[in-house]
Protein backbone atom coordinates (compact mmCIF):
# COMPACT_ATOMS: atom_id res chain seq x y z
CA UNK A 1 -0.06 0.08 -0.08
CA UNK A 2 1.29 3.47 -0.80
CA UNK A 3 -0.07 6.99 0.01
CA UNK A 4 0.44 9.90 -2.44
CA UNK A 5 -0.04 12.88 -0.11
CA UNK A 6 0.61 15.69 -2.63
CA UNK A 7 -2.52 15.21 -4.89
CA UNK A 8 -4.66 14.89 -1.55
CA UNK A 9 -3.35 17.86 -0.01
CA UNK A 10 -4.10 19.78 -3.39
CA UNK A 11 -7.44 18.57 -3.45
CA UNK A 12 -7.98 19.53 0.17
CA UNK A 13 -6.59 22.93 -0.17
CA UNK A 14 -9.04 23.49 -3.39
CA UNK A 15 -11.87 22.20 -1.10
CA UNK A 16 -10.99 24.77 1.74
CA UNK A 17 -10.73 27.49 -0.86
CA UNK A 18 -14.35 26.59 -2.24
CA UNK A 19 -15.42 26.45 1.42
CA UNK A 20 -14.14 29.66 2.21
CA UNK A 21 -15.75 31.20 -1.08
CA UNK A 22 -19.20 29.99 -0.10
CA UNK A 23 -18.64 31.31 3.34
CA UNK A 24 -17.69 34.58 2.17
CA UNK A 25 -20.74 34.67 -0.01
CA UNK A 26 -22.81 33.82 2.84
CA UNK A 27 -21.53 36.57 5.01
CA UNK A 28 -22.14 39.00 2.21
CA UNK A 29 -25.60 37.91 1.79
CA UNK A 30 -26.14 38.20 5.38
CA UNK A 31 -24.75 41.74 5.58
CA UNK A 32 -26.51 42.78 2.51
CA UNK A 33 -29.55 42.14 4.57
CA UNK A 34 -28.73 44.85 7.24
CA UNK A 35 -26.38 47.24 5.27
CA UNK A 36 -27.79 50.95 5.40
CA UNK A 37 -29.86 51.77 2.38
CA UNK A 38 -28.63 54.71 0.28
CA UNK A 39 -30.41 54.06 -3.09
CA UNK A 40 -28.83 50.54 -3.10
CA UNK A 41 -25.41 51.56 -4.27
CA UNK A 42 -23.59 50.45 -0.93
CA UNK A 43 -25.40 47.14 -1.17
CA UNK A 44 -24.48 46.60 -4.88
CA UNK A 45 -20.91 47.49 -4.15
CA UNK A 46 -20.45 44.33 -1.89
CA UNK A 47 -18.07 41.58 -2.91
CA UNK A 48 -16.75 38.25 -1.79
CA UNK A 49 -13.49 36.65 -2.76
CA UNK A 50 -10.96 34.11 -1.83
CA UNK A 51 -7.12 34.34 -2.21
CA UNK A 52 -6.42 30.34 -2.73
CA UNK A 53 -2.78 30.44 -2.03
CA UNK A 54 -3.02 31.95 1.39
CA UNK A 55 -6.63 30.54 2.00
CA UNK A 56 -7.96 33.99 2.97
CA UNK A 57 -11.39 35.09 2.23
CA UNK A 58 -12.55 38.73 1.83
CA UNK A 59 -15.81 40.52 2.04
CA UNK A 60 -15.83 44.06 1.20
CA UNK A 61 -17.96 47.07 0.07
CA UNK A 62 -16.57 49.59 -2.37
CA UNK A 63 -18.19 52.98 -1.92
CA UNK A 64 -16.40 56.18 -0.87
CA UNK A 65 -18.47 56.22 2.44
CA UNK A 66 -18.70 52.47 3.16
CA UNK A 67 -16.24 52.66 6.05
CA UNK A 68 -17.99 55.88 7.54
CA UNK A 69 -21.41 54.02 7.22
CA UNK A 70 -19.91 50.83 8.86
CA UNK A 71 -18.04 52.75 11.80
CA UNK A 72 -20.44 55.44 12.80
CA UNK A 73 -22.90 54.36 15.55
CA UNK A 74 -24.57 57.75 15.63
CA UNK A 75 -26.00 57.72 12.19
CA UNK A 76 -29.70 56.90 12.03
CA UNK A 77 -30.75 54.14 9.47
CA UNK A 78 -34.00 52.64 8.14
CA UNK A 79 -35.51 50.13 10.41
CA UNK A 80 -33.55 46.80 10.07
CA UNK A 81 -30.38 48.50 8.75
CA UNK A 82 -27.27 49.18 11.11
CA UNK A 83 -23.89 50.30 11.35
CA UNK A 84 -21.35 47.38 11.77
CA UNK A 85 -23.29 45.62 9.13
CA UNK A 86 -20.34 43.52 8.02
CA UNK A 87 -18.67 42.97 11.38
CA UNK A 88 -21.87 41.86 13.07
CA UNK A 89 -22.79 39.76 10.09
CA UNK A 90 -19.37 38.10 10.20
CA UNK A 91 -19.73 37.23 13.94
CA UNK A 92 -23.37 35.99 13.76
CA UNK A 93 -22.44 33.78 10.65
CA UNK A 94 -19.43 31.90 12.10
CA UNK A 95 -21.11 28.75 12.83
CA UNK A 96 -22.56 28.44 9.32
CA UNK A 97 -19.19 29.49 7.70
CA UNK A 98 -17.38 26.85 9.80
CA UNK A 99 -20.14 24.32 8.44
CA UNK A 100 -19.72 25.31 4.88
CA UNK A 101 -15.94 24.86 4.86
CA UNK A 102 -16.27 21.33 6.76
CA UNK A 103 -18.62 20.29 4.10
CA UNK A 104 -16.42 21.00 1.34
CA UNK A 105 -13.65 19.12 3.09
CA UNK A 106 -15.71 16.15 3.79
CA UNK A 107 -16.61 16.16 0.19
CA UNK A 108 -13.09 16.15 -1.00
CA UNK A 109 -12.20 13.25 1.38
CA UNK A 110 -14.79 11.09 -0.16
């Protein structure tokens, strides 16, 4: 019996990257549900991506005022919309993100 670990390691890294992307997309969806409304430009600017070599996921919003809207707790928003829209969504979605990554890793190990 022999074990060739390099292909297995490559497949597991690819699965982890897929899981991270699914997790980032999930966090983006959750944050879009509470992002402050501004004719929806802020919400539409949201993106999710993964850097496979470093296994790093990113979720961001790209408007000139995205950071201000995120950080300023004294702004008034429409009902159900809030500051800290990305931070709170990430913290709330941790179990789901971990489950998405784990599911992709399990699929790769079959």
